[in-house]
Every structure is written in structure tokens, then in C-alpha cells.
Protein backbone atom coordinates (compact mmCIF):
# COMPACT_ATOMS: atom_id res chain seq x y z
CA MET A 1 -18.97 -1.82 99.90
CA PRO A 2 -22.71 -1.88 100.62
CA SER A 3 -24.45 -5.10 101.34
CA ARG A 4 -26.86 -6.61 98.90
CA ILE A 5 -30.02 -8.36 99.87
CA VAL A 6 -30.51 -11.84 98.47
CA LYS A 7 -33.64 -13.99 98.63
CA THR A 8 -32.96 -17.61 97.73
CA ARG A 9 -33.77 -21.20 98.49
CA ALA A 10 -31.30 -23.08 100.71
CA VAL A 11 -30.70 -26.29 102.62
CA VAL A 12 -29.40 -26.02 106.20
CA LEU A 13 -26.12 -27.95 106.35
CA ARG A 14 -25.02 -27.16 109.90
CA THR A 15 -26.04 -25.08 112.93
CA ARG A 16 -24.11 -24.04 116.01
CA ARG A 17 -24.83 -21.93 119.04
CA MET A 18 -23.51 -18.40 118.95
CA GLY A 19 -23.81 -16.42 122.09
CA GLU A 20 -26.91 -16.52 124.27
CA THR A 21 -29.63 -16.21 121.63
CA SER A 22 -28.08 -16.48 118.16
CA LYS A 23 -27.14 -19.28 115.79
CA LEU A 24 -24.28 -19.70 113.34
CA VAL A 25 -25.76 -21.41 110.29
CA THR A 26 -24.12 -22.97 107.25
CA LEU A 27 -26.46 -23.04 104.25
CA TYR A 28 -26.11 -24.34 100.74
CA THR A 29 -28.09 -21.92 98.65
CA GLU A 30 -29.41 -22.23 95.13
CA ASP A 31 -28.03 -18.88 93.94
CA GLU A 32 -24.96 -18.18 96.13
CA GLY A 33 -23.51 -21.59 96.94
CA LYS A 34 -22.33 -22.24 100.48
CA VAL A 35 -22.95 -19.34 102.89
CA LYS A 36 -22.10 -19.02 106.55
CA ALA A 37 -24.42 -16.61 108.33
CA THR A 38 -25.67 -15.54 111.75
CA ALA A 39 -29.29 -15.63 112.71
CA LYS A 40 -29.62 -13.18 115.57
CA GLY A 41 -32.23 -14.20 118.12
CA ALA A 42 -32.83 -17.59 116.51
CA ARG A 43 -32.55 -19.46 119.85
CA LYS A 44 -35.16 -17.30 121.66
CA PRO A 45 -38.43 -19.13 122.42
CA LYS A 46 -40.44 -16.63 120.36
CA SER A 47 -37.97 -16.30 117.51
CA LYS A 48 -39.23 -15.21 114.11
CA PHE A 49 -37.18 -18.06 112.62
CA GLY A 50 -39.07 -20.73 114.53
CA GLY A 51 -37.82 -24.21 113.63
CA ALA A 52 -36.74 -23.27 110.11
CA LEU A 53 -33.02 -23.25 110.89
CA GLU A 54 -32.72 -26.93 111.73
CA LEU A 55 -30.43 -29.48 110.04
CA MET A 56 -31.67 -30.77 106.64
CA THR A 57 -34.48 -28.25 106.34
CA GLU A 58 -35.11 -26.59 102.94
CA VAL A 59 -35.81 -22.93 103.51
CA GLN A 60 -36.45 -19.64 101.73
CA VAL A 61 -33.88 -17.26 103.22
CA VAL A 62 -33.26 -13.54 103.00
CA CYS A 63 -29.60 -12.64 103.61
CA TYR A 64 -27.51 -9.50 103.71
CA LEU A 65 -24.38 -10.43 101.78
CA ARG A 66 -21.11 -8.44 101.95
CA ASP A 67 -18.16 -9.55 99.87
CA GLU A 68 -15.58 -8.39 102.43
CA ARG A 69 -17.13 -10.46 105.28
CA ASP A 70 -16.91 -14.19 105.82
CA LEU A 71 -20.00 -14.19 108.08
CA GLN A 72 -23.25 -12.94 106.54
CA THR A 73 -26.52 -11.97 108.26
CA ILE A 74 -29.89 -13.73 107.89
CA SER A 75 -32.80 -11.33 108.22
CA ASP A 76 -35.71 -13.69 107.43
CA CYS A 77 -36.17 -17.39 106.93
CA ASP A 78 -39.24 -19.52 106.14
CA ALA A 79 -39.30 -23.31 106.11
CA LEU A 80 -40.31 -24.68 102.71
CA ARG A 81 -39.82 -28.36 103.40
CA SER A 82 -38.80 -30.26 106.52
CA PHE A 83 -38.09 -33.96 106.58
CA PRO A 84 -39.66 -35.43 109.77
CA ASP A 85 -39.26 -39.04 108.63
CA LEU A 86 -35.51 -38.55 108.36
CA LEU A 87 -35.35 -37.58 112.04
CA THR A 88 -37.24 -40.65 113.30
CA ASP A 89 -35.22 -43.30 111.42
CA LEU A 90 -31.57 -43.58 112.48
CA GLU A 91 -30.37 -45.02 109.14
CA ARG A 92 -32.10 -42.27 107.08
CA LEU A 93 -30.88 -39.60 109.50
CA SER A 94 -27.27 -40.78 109.18
CA PHE A 95 -27.38 -40.80 105.36
CA GLY A 96 -29.07 -37.37 105.29
CA SER A 97 -26.51 -35.98 107.69
CA ALA A 98 -23.71 -37.53 105.62
CA ALA A 99 -25.10 -35.86 102.48
CA CYS A 100 -25.11 -32.48 104.17
CA GLU A 101 -21.60 -32.99 105.57
CA LEU A 102 -20.34 -34.07 102.15
CA ILE A 103 -21.60 -30.87 100.59
CA ASP A 104 -20.25 -28.80 103.47
CA ARG A 105 -16.75 -30.28 103.20
CA LEU A 106 -16.44 -30.45 99.42
CA THR A 107 -17.60 -26.92 98.54
CA VAL A 108 -16.07 -23.51 99.02
CA GLU A 109 -18.03 -20.48 100.12
CA ARG A 110 -19.90 -18.31 97.62
CA ASP A 111 -19.37 -20.65 94.64
CA PRO A 112 -22.90 -21.32 93.26
CA ASN A 113 -23.73 -24.64 91.70
CA ARG A 114 -27.45 -25.13 91.02
CA ARG A 115 -26.95 -28.71 89.89
CA LEU A 116 -25.31 -29.59 93.23
CA TYR A 117 -28.19 -27.80 95.06
CA ARG A 118 -30.73 -29.90 93.18
CA CYS A 119 -28.77 -33.09 93.99
CA LEU A 120 -28.80 -32.24 97.68
CA SER A 121 -32.49 -31.32 97.92
CA GLY A 122 -33.37 -34.34 95.77
CA VAL A 123 -31.52 -36.84 97.93
CA LEU A 124 -33.19 -35.49 101.09
CA VAL A 125 -36.61 -35.95 99.47
CA GLY A 126 -35.58 -39.34 98.18
CA LEU A 127 -34.25 -40.58 101.53
CA GLU A 128 -37.63 -39.85 103.03
CA GLU A 129 -39.63 -41.55 100.25
CA VAL A 130 -37.74 -44.72 99.30
CA GLY A 131 -38.04 -48.12 100.90
CA ALA A 132 -35.58 -49.26 103.57
CA THR A 133 -33.63 -51.42 101.13
CA GLN A 134 -33.10 -48.48 98.73
CA VAL A 135 -31.66 -45.97 101.21
CA GLU A 136 -28.01 -46.92 100.86
CA PRO A 137 -28.05 -47.24 97.05
CA LEU A 138 -29.68 -43.80 96.83
CA PHE A 139 -26.89 -42.33 98.86
CA TRP A 140 -24.25 -43.90 96.60
CA TYR A 141 -26.11 -42.53 93.59
CA PHE A 142 -26.13 -39.10 95.26
CA GLN A 143 -22.43 -39.29 95.81
CA LEU A 144 -21.78 -40.03 92.09
CA ARG A 145 -24.07 -37.19 91.02
CA ALA A 146 -22.46 -34.76 93.50
CA ALA A 147 -18.98 -35.71 92.24
CA GLU A 148 -20.18 -35.09 88.65
CA ALA A 149 -21.69 -31.72 89.58
CA LEU A 150 -18.33 -30.79 91.15
CA GLY A 151 -16.42 -31.78 88.01
CA TYR A 152 -15.13 -35.20 89.12
CA ARG A 153 -17.12 -37.53 86.92
CA PRO A 154 -15.89 -41.09 87.42
CA GLU A 155 -15.56 -43.41 84.43
CA LEU A 156 -17.39 -46.64 85.29
CA ASN A 157 -17.94 -48.23 81.89
CA HIS A 158 -14.32 -49.21 81.14
CA CYS A 159 -10.75 -48.93 82.40
CA THR A 160 -9.27 -45.53 81.70
CA SER A 161 -5.70 -46.79 81.56
């Protein structure tokens, strides 16, 4: 089957080294859900990807998607929003990383959920903007909203039994 080219917004959930110059990237995209892809040449000093493929970065990505493959190919990537304040504060970094890991572990590949994407990008923006006392409650709020977006809405108003 021929590959189709998809241009979509995504949040980088995880990156790993792959070979000498490439990266294996896990993205949560707005239109395609979770996608694992290779970015060939991303670790070269003069890479066309630059610093776009770093953890917790919101990007505009162009991918070649093939249904019969588990690993897709990234052809182009531009950073839309990075979160430098998350990287300088250990508490914010840990909650941002936990949000990305939560999405990575609770979702299956190629199952789009725009609501979940908005929750993830929203919590990353919020973690950078809120005061120090609001960081943990914001993360708990994100967990409830993510559970609801995945179909596991908890009942908190009264006992269900």
C-alpha cells in the first residue's frame, strides 16, 4: 500500500537514539493519535530538525504513514512551542514528563483523540504559566481530564454503589 503524507500538530512524548545520526521519536499527534517514527539525520549538528524533536515540544510535523508498518518516517518538523521554563524547574519538569509518560502508556498507536491532544498541550502550557503552589493541582486536574477523554470518567459527586 502506498504511503500517505500527513501534516499535523504533535507533542513529542519520547525520543531515543537510533543508530549514529537518527532518532526514534514517539509523538502524540492531533490527527493520528500516537505515532512512532524515525527522524533520519536528526542527531547531526546541522540537522534540518534542529531542536524541534525534544521532549515536551509542540511541533508541526510531516510524516509518511504506512498502515503495514509500525515505524513511520518524519520528513519535516518545525517547533511551534517549546517550554523552556519547564526545563529549568525540577518540579515542573517532573510533572510535564509525567504527563507525557501517562499519554504514552495509556494510548495505543494510531487512535486519534483530539480532546486528549488538547489536554496534553494545555497542561504543558499551564505548567509553565501557573504559580508554584498550583503545579500539583493542575497535574491532578489533567489526570482527571485525560481519564475522561479516554472514556474513564470518575464519579466524584456521590458513591456509585
